[in-house]
PDB file of N, CA and C in Angstrom:
ATOM      1  N   MET A   1     -10.068   0.218   2.775  1.00  0.00           N
ATOM      2  CA  MET A   1     -10.056   0.776   1.464  1.00  0.00           C
ATOM      3  C   MET A   1      -8.727   1.156   1.020  1.00  0.00           C
ATOM      4  N   TYR A   2      -8.458   1.040  -0.284  1.00  0.00           N
ATOM      5  CA  TYR A   2      -7.132   1.376  -0.901  1.00  0.00           C
ATOM      6  C   TYR A   2      -7.333   2.435  -1.977  1.00  0.00           C
ATOM      7  N   ALA A   3      -6.297   3.228  -2.250  1.00  0.00           N
ATOM      8  CA  ALA A   3      -6.314   4.165  -3.346  1.00  0.00           C
ATOM      9  C   ALA A   3      -5.137   3.899  -4.211  1.00  0.00           C
ATOM     10  N   VAL A   4      -5.319   4.021  -5.521  1.00  0.00           N
ATOM     11  CA  VAL A   4      -4.242   3.923  -6.482  1.00  0.00           C
ATOM     12  C   VAL A   4      -4.087   5.373  -6.988  1.00  0.00           C
ATOM     13  N   ILE A   5      -2.868   5.920  -6.815  1.00  0.00           N
ATOM     14  CA  ILE A   5      -2.536   7.230  -7.238  1.00  0.00           C
ATOM     15  C   ILE A   5      -1.576   7.136  -8.398  1.00  0.00           C
ATOM     16  N   PHE A   6      -2.068   7.597  -9.546  1.00  0.00           N
ATOM     17  CA  PHE A   6      -1.282   7.527 -10.799  1.00  0.00           C
ATOM     18  C   PHE A   6      -0.917   8.943 -11.186  1.00  0.00           C
ATOM     19  N   ARG A   7       0.410   9.212 -11.324  1.00  0.00           N
ATOM     20  CA  ARG A   7       0.865  10.535 -11.714  1.00  0.00           C
ATOM     21  C   ARG A   7       1.759  10.338 -12.954  1.00  0.00           C
ATOM     22  N   ALA A   8       1.600  11.287 -13.862  1.00  0.00           N
ATOM     23  CA  ALA A   8       2.344  11.164 -15.106  1.00  0.00           C
ATOM     24  C   ALA A   8       2.762  12.518 -15.634  1.00  0.00           C
ATOM     25  N   GLU A   9       3.872  12.519 -16.381  1.00  0.00           N
ATOM     26  CA  GLU A   9       4.299  13.697 -17.178  1.00  0.00           C
ATOM     27  C   GLU A   9       3.861  13.417 -18.576  1.00  0.00           C
ATOM     28  N   ILE A  10       3.110  14.271 -19.123  1.00  0.00           N
ATOM     29  CA  ILE A  10       2.433  14.089 -20.435  1.00  0.00           C
ATOM     30  C   ILE A  10       3.423  14.399 -21.518  1.00  0.00           C
ATOM     31  N   ARG A  11       3.464  13.479 -22.533  1.00  0.00           N
ATOM     32  CA  ARG A  11       4.161  13.676 -23.774  1.00  0.00           C
ATOM     33  C   ARG A  11       3.250  14.409 -24.761  1.00  0.00           C
ATOM     34  N   GLU A  12       2.142  13.763 -25.077  1.00  0.00           N
ATOM     35  CA  GLU A  12       1.170  14.257 -25.963  1.00  0.00           C
ATOM     36  C   GLU A  12      -0.145  13.498 -25.784  1.00  0.00           C
ATOM     37  N   LEU A  13      -1.271  14.212 -25.635  1.00  0.00           N
ATOM     38  CA  LEU A  13      -2.568  13.542 -25.511  1.00  0.00           C
ATOM     39  C   LEU A  13      -3.325  13.840 -26.770  1.00  0.00           C
ATOM     40  N   ASP A  14      -4.096  12.902 -27.269  1.00  0.00           N
ATOM     41  CA  ASP A  14      -4.891  13.079 -28.485  1.00  0.00           C
ATOM     42  C   ASP A  14      -6.254  12.491 -28.284  1.00  0.00           C
ATOM     43  N   ASP A  15      -7.095  12.465 -29.334  1.00  0.00           N
ATOM     44  CA  ASP A  15      -8.479  11.961 -29.232  1.00  0.00           C
ATOM     45  C   ASP A  15      -8.485  10.499 -28.801  1.00  0.00           C
ATOM     46  N   ASP A  16      -7.503   9.681 -29.279  1.00  0.00           N
ATOM     47  CA  ASP A  16      -7.448   8.293 -28.921  1.00  0.00           C
ATOM     48  C   ASP A  16      -7.283   8.213 -27.348  1.00  0.00           C
ATOM     49  N   TYR A  17      -6.476   9.059 -26.842  1.00  0.00           N
ATOM     50  CA  TYR A  17      -6.256   9.028 -25.371  1.00  0.00           C
ATOM     51  C   TYR A  17      -7.521   9.271 -24.608  1.00  0.00           C
ATOM     52  N   ALA A  18      -8.296  10.282 -25.021  1.00  0.00           N
ATOM     53  CA  ALA A  18      -9.526  10.588 -24.353  1.00  0.00           C
ATOM     54  C   ALA A  18     -10.511   9.422 -24.375  1.00  0.00           C
ATOM     55  N   ALA A  19     -10.563   8.785 -25.498  1.00  0.00           N
ATOM     56  CA  ALA A  19     -11.472   7.586 -25.679  1.00  0.00           C
ATOM     57  C   ALA A  19     -10.988   6.479 -24.736  1.00  0.00           C
ATOM     58  N   MET A  20      -9.660   6.191 -24.832  1.00  0.00           N
ATOM     59  CA  MET A  20      -9.116   5.093 -24.015  1.00  0.00           C
ATOM     60  C   MET A  20      -9.322   5.363 -22.539  1.00  0.00           C
ATOM     61  N   ALA A  21      -9.092   6.552 -22.106  1.00  0.00           N
ATOM     62  CA  ALA A  21      -9.241   6.890 -20.663  1.00  0.00           C
ATOM     63  C   ALA A  21     -10.656   6.741 -20.219  1.00  0.00           C
ATOM     64  N   ALA A  22     -11.633   7.071 -21.005  1.00  0.00           N
ATOM     65  CA  ALA A  22     -13.061   6.884 -20.634  1.00  0.00           C
ATOM     66  C   ALA A  22     -13.377   5.431 -20.601  1.00  0.00           C
ATOM     67  N   GLN A  23     -12.849   4.625 -21.560  1.00  0.00           N
ATOM     68  CA  GLN A  23     -13.125   3.250 -21.614  1.00  0.00           C
ATOM     69  C   GLN A  23     -12.499   2.494 -20.452  1.00  0.00           C
ATOM     70  N   MET A  24     -11.317   2.900 -20.014  1.00  0.00           N
ATOM     71  CA  MET A  24     -10.566   2.241 -18.903  1.00  0.00           C
ATOM     72  C   MET A  24     -11.266   2.620 -17.579  1.00  0.00           C
ATOM     73  N   ARG A  25     -11.732   3.828 -17.426  1.00  0.00           N
ATOM     74  CA  ARG A  25     -12.541   4.231 -16.241  1.00  0.00           C
ATOM     75  C   ARG A  25     -13.785   3.375 -16.056  1.00  0.00           C
ATOM     76  N   ALA A  26     -14.543   3.247 -17.143  1.00  0.00           N
ATOM     77  CA  ALA A  26     -15.753   2.465 -17.187  1.00  0.00           C
ATOM     78  C   ALA A  26     -15.459   1.020 -16.860  1.00  0.00           C
ATOM     79  N   LEU A  27     -14.424   0.438 -17.411  1.00  0.00           N
ATOM     80  CA  LEU A  27     -14.096  -0.928 -17.177  1.00  0.00           C
ATOM     81  C   LEU A  27     -13.646  -1.142 -15.750  1.00  0.00           C
ATOM     82  N   ALA A  28     -12.905  -0.271 -15.188  1.00  0.00           N
ATOM     83  CA  ALA A  28     -12.468  -0.412 -13.770  1.00  0.00           C
ATOM     84  C   ALA A  28     -13.708  -0.474 -12.866  1.00  0.00           C
ATOM     85  N   ILE A  29     -14.669   0.383 -13.169  1.00  0.00           N
ATOM     86  CA  ILE A  29     -15.860   0.503 -12.255  1.00  0.00           C
ATOM     87  C   ILE A  29     -16.767  -0.655 -12.533  1.00  0.00           C
ATOM     88  N   SER A  30     -17.039  -0.993 -13.765  1.00  0.00           N
ATOM     89  CA  SER A  30     -18.061  -2.035 -14.055  1.00  0.00           C
ATOM     90  C   SER A  30     -17.590  -3.474 -13.872  1.00  0.00           C
ATOM     91  N   GLU A  31     -16.254  -3.706 -14.145  1.00  0.00           N
ATOM     92  CA  GLU A  31     -15.780  -5.084 -14.091  1.00  0.00           C
ATOM     93  C   GLU A  31     -14.926  -5.410 -12.884  1.00  0.00           C
ATOM     94  N   TYR A  32     -14.305  -4.461 -12.223  1.00  0.00           N
ATOM     95  CA  TYR A  32     -13.302  -4.735 -11.204  1.00  0.00           C
ATOM     96  C   TYR A  32     -13.696  -4.074  -9.856  1.00  0.00           C
ATOM     97  N   GLY A  33     -14.801  -3.417  -9.774  1.00  0.00           N
ATOM     98  CA  GLY A  33     -15.251  -2.959  -8.482  1.00  0.00           C
ATOM     99  C   GLY A  33     -14.650  -1.675  -8.000  1.00  0.00           C
ATOM    100  N   CYS A  34     -14.051  -0.918  -8.918  1.00  0.00           N
ATOM    101  CA  CYS A  34     -13.521   0.378  -8.550  1.00  0.00           C
ATOM    102  C   CYS A  34     -14.681   1.238  -7.996  1.00  0.00           C
ATOM    103  N   LEU A  35     -14.439   1.898  -6.809  1.00  0.00           N
ATOM    104  CA  LEU A  35     -15.550   2.689  -6.215  1.00  0.00           C
ATOM    105  C   LEU A  35     -15.656   4.042  -6.735  1.00  0.00           C
ATOM    106  N   GLU A  36     -14.532   4.641  -7.103  1.00  0.00           N
ATOM    107  CA  GLU A  36     -14.467   6.054  -7.615  1.00  0.00           C
ATOM    108  C   GLU A  36     -13.217   6.252  -8.401  1.00  0.00           C
ATOM    109  N   PHE A  37     -13.280   7.037  -9.451  1.00  0.00           N
ATOM    110  CA  PHE A  37     -12.159   7.208 -10.307  1.00  0.00           C
ATOM    111  C   PHE A  37     -12.157   8.678 -10.727  1.00  0.00           C
ATOM    112  N   THR A  38     -11.191   9.398 -10.285  1.00  0.00           N
ATOM    113  CA  THR A  38     -11.129  10.920 -10.567  1.00  0.00           C
ATOM    114  C   THR A  38      -9.750  11.202 -11.162  1.00  0.00           C
ATOM    115  N   SER A  39      -9.763  12.096 -12.182  1.00  0.00           N
ATOM    116  CA  SER A  39      -8.435  12.544 -12.801  1.00  0.00           C
ATOM    117  C   SER A  39      -8.486  13.998 -13.080  1.00  0.00           C
ATOM    118  N   ALA A  40      -7.284  14.566 -13.146  1.00  0.00           N
ATOM    119  CA  ALA A  40      -7.140  15.974 -13.492  1.00  0.00           C
ATOM    120  C   ALA A  40      -5.821  16.195 -14.239  1.00  0.00           C
ATOM    121  N   THR A  41      -5.796  17.151 -15.096  1.00  0.00           N
ATOM    122  CA  THR A  41      -4.579  17.496 -15.833  1.00  0.00           C
ATOM    123  C   THR A  41      -4.334  18.948 -15.736  1.00  0.00           C
ATOM    124  N   GLU A  42      -3.073  19.298 -15.460  1.00  0.00           N
ATOM    125  CA  GLU A  42      -2.696  20.663 -15.315  1.00  0.00           C
ATOM    126  C   GLU A  42      -1.315  20.802 -16.045  1.00  0.00           C
ATOM    127  N   GLY A  43      -1.304  21.633 -17.099  1.00  0.00           N
ATOM    128  CA  GLY A  43      -0.026  21.742 -17.839  1.00  0.00           C
ATOM    129  C   GLY A  43       0.415  20.422 -18.366  1.00  0.00           C
ATOM    130  N   SER A  44       1.574  19.967 -18.046  1.00  0.00           N
ATOM    131  CA  SER A  44       2.091  18.688 -18.541  1.00  0.00           C
ATOM    132  C   SER A  44       1.987  17.569 -17.472  1.00  0.00           C
ATOM    133  N   GLN A  45       1.203  17.830 -16.445  1.00  0.00           N
ATOM    134  CA  GLN A  45       1.038  16.866 -15.344  1.00  0.00           C
ATOM    135  C   GLN A  45      -0.383  16.313 -15.306  1.00  0.00           C
ATOM    136  N   GLU A  46      -0.430  14.994 -15.089  1.00  0.00           N
ATOM    137  CA  GLU A  46      -1.777  14.390 -14.922  1.00  0.00           C
ATOM    138  C   GLU A  46      -1.687  13.605 -13.582  1.00  0.00           C
ATOM    139  N   ILE A  47      -2.796  13.612 -12.910  1.00  0.00           N
ATOM    140  CA  ILE A  47      -2.974  12.735 -11.702  1.00  0.00           C
ATOM    141  C   ILE A  47      -4.330  12.108 -11.747  1.00  0.00           C
ATOM    142  N   ALA A  48      -4.345  10.774 -11.424  1.00  0.00           N
ATOM    143  CA  ALA A  48      -5.648  10.063 -11.390  1.00  0.00           C
ATOM    144  C   ALA A  48      -5.623   9.281 -10.093  1.00  0.00           C
ATOM    145  N   ILE A  49      -6.752   9.315  -9.353  1.00  0.00           N
ATOM    146  CA  ILE A  49      -6.871   8.585  -8.073  1.00  0.00           C
ATOM    147  C   ILE A  49      -8.078   7.680  -8.241  1.00  0.00           C
ATOM    148  N   SER A  50      -7.907   6.393  -7.953  1.00  0.00           N
ATOM    149  CA  SER A  50      -9.014   5.511  -7.959  1.00  0.00           C
ATOM    150  C   SER A  50      -9.065   4.787  -6.562  1.00  0.00           C
ATOM    151  N   TYR A  51     -10.278   4.427  -6.143  1.00  0.00           N
ATOM    152  CA  TYR A  51     -10.512   3.848  -4.851  1.00  0.00           C
ATOM    153  C   TYR A  51     -11.061   2.417  -4.983  1.00  0.00           C
ATOM    154  N   TRP A  52     -10.569   1.551  -4.132  1.00  0.00           N
ATOM    155  CA  TRP A  52     -10.917   0.102  -4.188  1.00  0.00           C
ATOM    156  C   TRP A  52     -11.050  -0.488  -2.831  1.00  0.00           C
ATOM    157  N   GLN A  53     -11.891  -1.558  -2.755  1.00  0.00           N
ATOM    158  CA  GLN A  53     -12.072  -2.252  -1.501  1.00  0.00           C
ATOM    159  C   GLN A  53     -10.919  -3.183  -1.185  1.00  0.00           C
ATOM    160  N   SER A  54     -10.222  -3.755  -2.198  1.00  0.00           N
ATOM    161  CA  SER A  54      -9.185  -4.700  -1.923  1.00  0.00           C
ATOM    162  C   SER A  54      -7.989  -4.594  -2.798  1.00  0.00           C
ATOM    163  N   GLN A  55      -6.850  -5.088  -2.323  1.00  0.00           N
ATOM    164  CA  GLN A  55      -5.659  -5.176  -3.261  1.00  0.00           C
ATOM    165  C   GLN A  55      -5.852  -6.209  -4.303  1.00  0.00           C
ATOM    166  N   GLU A  56      -6.628  -7.191  -4.080  1.00  0.00           N
ATOM    167  CA  GLU A  56      -6.870  -8.241  -5.124  1.00  0.00           C
ATOM    168  C   GLU A  56      -7.613  -7.548  -6.340  1.00  0.00           C
ATOM    169  N   GLN A  57      -8.580  -6.740  -6.104  1.00  0.00           N
ATOM    170  CA  GLN A  57      -9.269  -5.990  -7.191  1.00  0.00           C
ATOM    171  C   GLN A  57      -8.237  -5.196  -8.001  1.00  0.00           C
ATOM    172  N   ILE A  58      -7.304  -4.503  -7.313  1.00  0.00           N
ATOM    173  CA  ILE A  58      -6.329  -3.674  -7.967  1.00  0.00           C
ATOM    174  C   ILE A  58      -5.403  -4.559  -8.859  1.00  0.00           C
ATOM    175  N   LYS A  59      -5.006  -5.712  -8.308  1.00  0.00           N
ATOM    176  CA  LYS A  59      -4.111  -6.656  -9.050  1.00  0.00           C
ATOM    177  C   LYS A  59      -4.797  -7.141 -10.296  1.00  0.00           C
ATOM    178  N   LEU A  60      -6.085  -7.513 -10.117  1.00  0.00           N
ATOM    179  CA  LEU A  60      -6.845  -7.998 -11.316  1.00  0.00           C
ATOM    180  C   LEU A  60      -7.003  -6.881 -12.379  1.00  0.00           C
ATOM    181  N   TRP A  61      -7.258  -5.743 -11.963  1.00  0.00           N
ATOM    182  CA  TRP A  61      -7.407  -4.577 -12.852  1.00  0.00           C
ATOM    183  C   TRP A  61      -6.097  -4.329 -13.600  1.00  0.00           C
ATOM    184  N   LYS A  62      -4.961  -4.390 -12.904  1.00  0.00           N
ATOM    185  CA  LYS A  62      -3.683  -4.147 -13.534  1.00  0.00           C
ATOM    186  C   LYS A  62      -3.379  -5.206 -14.590  1.00  0.00           C
ATOM    187  N   GLN A  63      -3.897  -6.397 -14.440  1.00  0.00           N
ATOM    188  CA  GLN A  63      -3.600  -7.475 -15.385  1.00  0.00           C
ATOM    189  C   GLN A  63      -4.644  -7.651 -16.483  1.00  0.00           C
ATOM    190  N   ASP A  64      -5.743  -6.817 -16.486  1.00  0.00           N
ATOM    191  CA  ASP A  64      -6.712  -6.911 -17.505  1.00  0.00           C
ATOM    192  C   ASP A  64      -6.052  -6.731 -18.902  1.00  0.00           C
ATOM    193  N   ALA A  65      -6.529  -7.469 -19.866  1.00  0.00           N
ATOM    194  CA  ALA A  65      -5.899  -7.490 -21.240  1.00  0.00           C
ATOM    195  C   ALA A  65      -6.030  -6.065 -21.899  1.00  0.00           C
ATOM    196  N   LYS A  66      -7.213  -5.454 -21.792  1.00  0.00           N
ATOM    197  CA  LYS A  66      -7.447  -4.175 -22.375  1.00  0.00           C
ATOM    198  C   LYS A  66      -6.605  -3.096 -21.587  1.00  0.00           C
ATOM    199  N   HIS A  67      -6.525  -3.265 -20.251  1.00  0.00           N
ATOM    200  CA  HIS A  67      -5.701  -2.295 -19.523  1.00  0.00           C
ATOM    201  C   HIS A  67      -4.238  -2.414 -19.801  1.00  0.00           C
ATOM    202  N   LEU A  68      -3.745  -3.641 -20.074  1.00  0.00           N
ATOM    203  CA  LEU A  68      -2.331  -3.805 -20.527  1.00  0.00           C
ATOM    204  C   LEU A  68      -2.070  -3.103 -21.824  1.00  0.00           C
ATOM    205  N   ILE A  69      -3.055  -3.091 -22.791  1.00  0.00           N
ATOM    206  CA  ILE A  69      -2.846  -2.355 -24.016  1.00  0.00           C
ATOM    207  C   ILE A  69      -2.783  -0.876 -23.735  1.00  0.00           C
ATOM    208  N   ALA A  70      -3.640  -0.397 -22.825  1.00  0.00           N
ATOM    209  CA  ALA A  70      -3.620   1.024 -22.514  1.00  0.00           C
ATOM    210  C   ALA A  70      -2.347   1.386 -21.806  1.00  0.00           C
ATOM    211  N   GLN A  71      -1.782   0.543 -20.958  1.00  0.00           N
ATOM    212  CA  GLN A  71      -0.527   0.778 -20.295  1.00  0.00           C
ATOM    213  C   GLN A  71       0.537   0.906 -21.317  1.00  0.00           C
ATOM    214  N   GLU A  72       0.602   0.015 -22.239  1.00  0.00           N
ATOM    215  CA  GLU A  72       1.607   0.023 -23.343  1.00  0.00           C
ATOM    216  C   GLU A  72       1.519   1.312 -24.201  1.00  0.00           C
ATOM    217  N   LEU A  73       0.351   1.700 -24.521  1.00  0.00           N
ATOM    218  CA  LEU A  73       0.169   2.949 -25.307  1.00  0.00           C
ATOM    219  C   LEU A  73       0.603   4.141 -24.478  1.00  0.00           C
ATOM    220  N   GLY A  74       0.219   4.079 -23.130  1.00  0.00           N
ATOM    221  CA  GLY A  74       0.648   5.186 -22.343  1.00  0.00           C
ATOM    222  C   GLY A  74       2.218   5.349 -22.299  1.00  0.00           C
ATOM    223  N   MET A  75       2.953   4.238 -22.192  1.00  0.00           N
ATOM    224  CA  MET A  75       4.386   4.315 -22.090  1.00  0.00           C
ATOM    225  C   MET A  75       4.997   4.709 -23.475  1.00  0.00           C
ATOM    226  N   SER A  76       4.465   4.264 -24.525  1.00  0.00           N
ATOM    227  CA  SER A  76       5.085   4.499 -25.826  1.00  0.00           C
ATOM    228  C   SER A  76       4.559   5.778 -26.515  1.00  0.00           C
ATOM    229  N   LYS A  77       3.398   6.263 -26.122  1.00  0.00           N
ATOM    230  CA  LYS A  77       2.784   7.394 -26.855  1.00  0.00           C
ATOM    231  C   LYS A  77       2.453   8.630 -26.087  1.00  0.00           C
ATOM    232  N   TRP A  78       1.754   8.380 -24.944  1.00  0.00           N
ATOM    233  CA  TRP A  78       1.132   9.521 -24.210  1.00  0.00           C
ATOM    234  C   TRP A  78       1.931  10.111 -23.137  1.00  0.00           C
ATOM    235  N   TYR A  79       2.786   9.353 -22.468  1.00  0.00           N
ATOM    236  CA  TYR A  79       3.454   9.843 -21.314  1.00  0.00           C
ATOM    237  C   TYR A  79       4.992   9.828 -21.477  1.00  0.00           C
ATOM    238  N   LYS A  80       5.636  10.818 -20.906  1.00  0.00           N
ATOM    239  CA  LYS A  80       7.115  10.844 -20.794  1.00  0.00           C
ATOM    240  C   LYS A  80       7.507   9.926 -19.670  1.00  0.00           C
ATOM    241  N   SER A  81       6.818  10.014 -18.561  1.00  0.00           N
ATOM    242  CA  SER A  81       7.128   9.136 -17.362  1.00  0.00           C
ATOM    243  C   SER A  81       5.840   9.070 -16.568  1.00  0.00           C
ATOM    244  N   TYR A  82       5.834   8.079 -15.617  1.00  0.00           N
ATOM    245  CA  TYR A  82       4.697   7.929 -14.785  1.00  0.00           C
ATOM    246  C   TYR A  82       5.117   7.288 -13.465  1.00  0.00           C
ATOM    247  N   GLN A  83       4.294   7.428 -12.461  1.00  0.00           N
ATOM    248  CA  GLN A  83       4.492   6.751 -11.187  1.00  0.00           C
ATOM    249  C   GLN A  83       3.155   6.333 -10.645  1.00  0.00           C
ATOM    250  N   VAL A  84       3.123   5.081 -10.040  1.00  0.00           N
ATOM    251  CA  VAL A  84       1.941   4.594  -9.463  1.00  0.00           C
ATOM    252  C   VAL A  84       2.227   4.233  -8.003  1.00  0.00           C
ATOM    253  N   GLN A  85       1.243   4.649  -7.139  1.00  0.00           N
ATOM    254  CA  GLN A  85       1.408   4.361  -5.748  1.00  0.00           C
ATOM    255  C   GLN A  85       0.020   3.672  -5.321  1.00  0.00           C
ATOM    256  N   VAL A  86       0.115   2.589  -4.541  1.00  0.00           N
ATOM    257  CA  VAL A  86      -1.010   1.941  -3.958  1.00  0.00           C
ATOM    258  C   VAL A  86      -0.987   2.156  -2.468  1.00  0.00           C
ATOM    259  N   VAL A  87      -1.909   2.835  -1.938  1.00  0.00           N
ATOM    260  CA  VAL A  87      -1.909   3.201  -0.537  1.00  0.00           C
ATOM    261  C   VAL A  87      -3.169   2.786   0.109  1.00  0.00           C
ATOM    262  N   GLU A  88      -3.013   2.470   1.423  1.00  0.00           N
ATOM    263  CA  GLU A  88      -4.224   2.155   2.228  1.00  0.00           C
ATOM    264  C   GLU A  88      -4.739   3.418   2.899  1.00  0.00           C
ATOM    265  N   VAL A  89      -6.063   3.592   2.758  1.00  0.00           N
ATOM    266  CA  VAL A  89      -6.757   4.750   3.403  1.00  0.00           C
ATOM    267  C   VAL A  89      -6.995   4.350   4.774  1.00  0.00           C
ATOM    268  N   VAL A  90      -6.353   5.113   5.768  1.00  0.00           N
ATOM    269  CA  VAL A  90      -6.491   4.820   7.173  1.00  0.00           C
ATOM    270  C   VAL A  90      -7.493   5.692   7.865  1.00  0.00           C
ATOM    271  N   ARG A  91      -7.780   6.846   7.250  1.00  0.00           N
ATOM    272  CA  ARG A  91      -8.710   7.745   7.878  1.00  0.00           C
ATOM    273  C   ARG A  91      -9.321   8.591   6.756  1.00  0.00           C
ATOM    274  N   GLU A  92     -10.567   9.011   6.941  1.00  0.00           N
ATOM    275  CA  GLU A  92     -11.218   9.856   5.933  1.00  0.00           C
ATOM    276  C   GLU A  92     -12.115  10.896   6.694  1.00  0.00           C
ATOM    277  N   TYR A  93     -12.059  12.071   6.248  1.00  0.00           N
ATOM    278  CA  TYR A  93     -12.872  13.147   6.795  1.00  0.00           C
ATOM    279  C   TYR A  93     -13.693  13.796   5.699  1.00  0.00           C
ATOM    280  N   SER A  94     -14.878  14.301   6.043  1.00  0.00           N
ATOM    281  CA  SER A  94     -15.652  15.077   5.076  1.00  0.00           C
ATOM    282  C   SER A  94     -16.664  15.925   5.884  1.00  0.00           C
ATOM    283  N   SER A  95     -17.233  16.791   5.137  1.00  0.00           N
ATOM    284  CA  SER A  95     -18.322  17.669   5.761  1.00  0.00           C
ATOM    285  C   SER A  95     -19.414  17.864   4.771  1.00  0.00           C
TER     286      SER A  95
END
């Protein structure tokens, strides 16, 4: 399993952002096999973590036409900066 960790410094979030974020989450899950997608915002920082079965799913998701539009809007409108990490989950614990 893989996780994509998205961290961003927020410039300004608006109603369009909320709608786009919901649409992108639904698209990742329904069309690309995302297993779970969680996000949180605190102050000017946002973090989103999504879980995937394969790197191929992640690559296809990154290249989706609607996701490319969301990425462009993120860079030009909503975020000051961002960072993306793709990591392999090697161990998981729960209770």
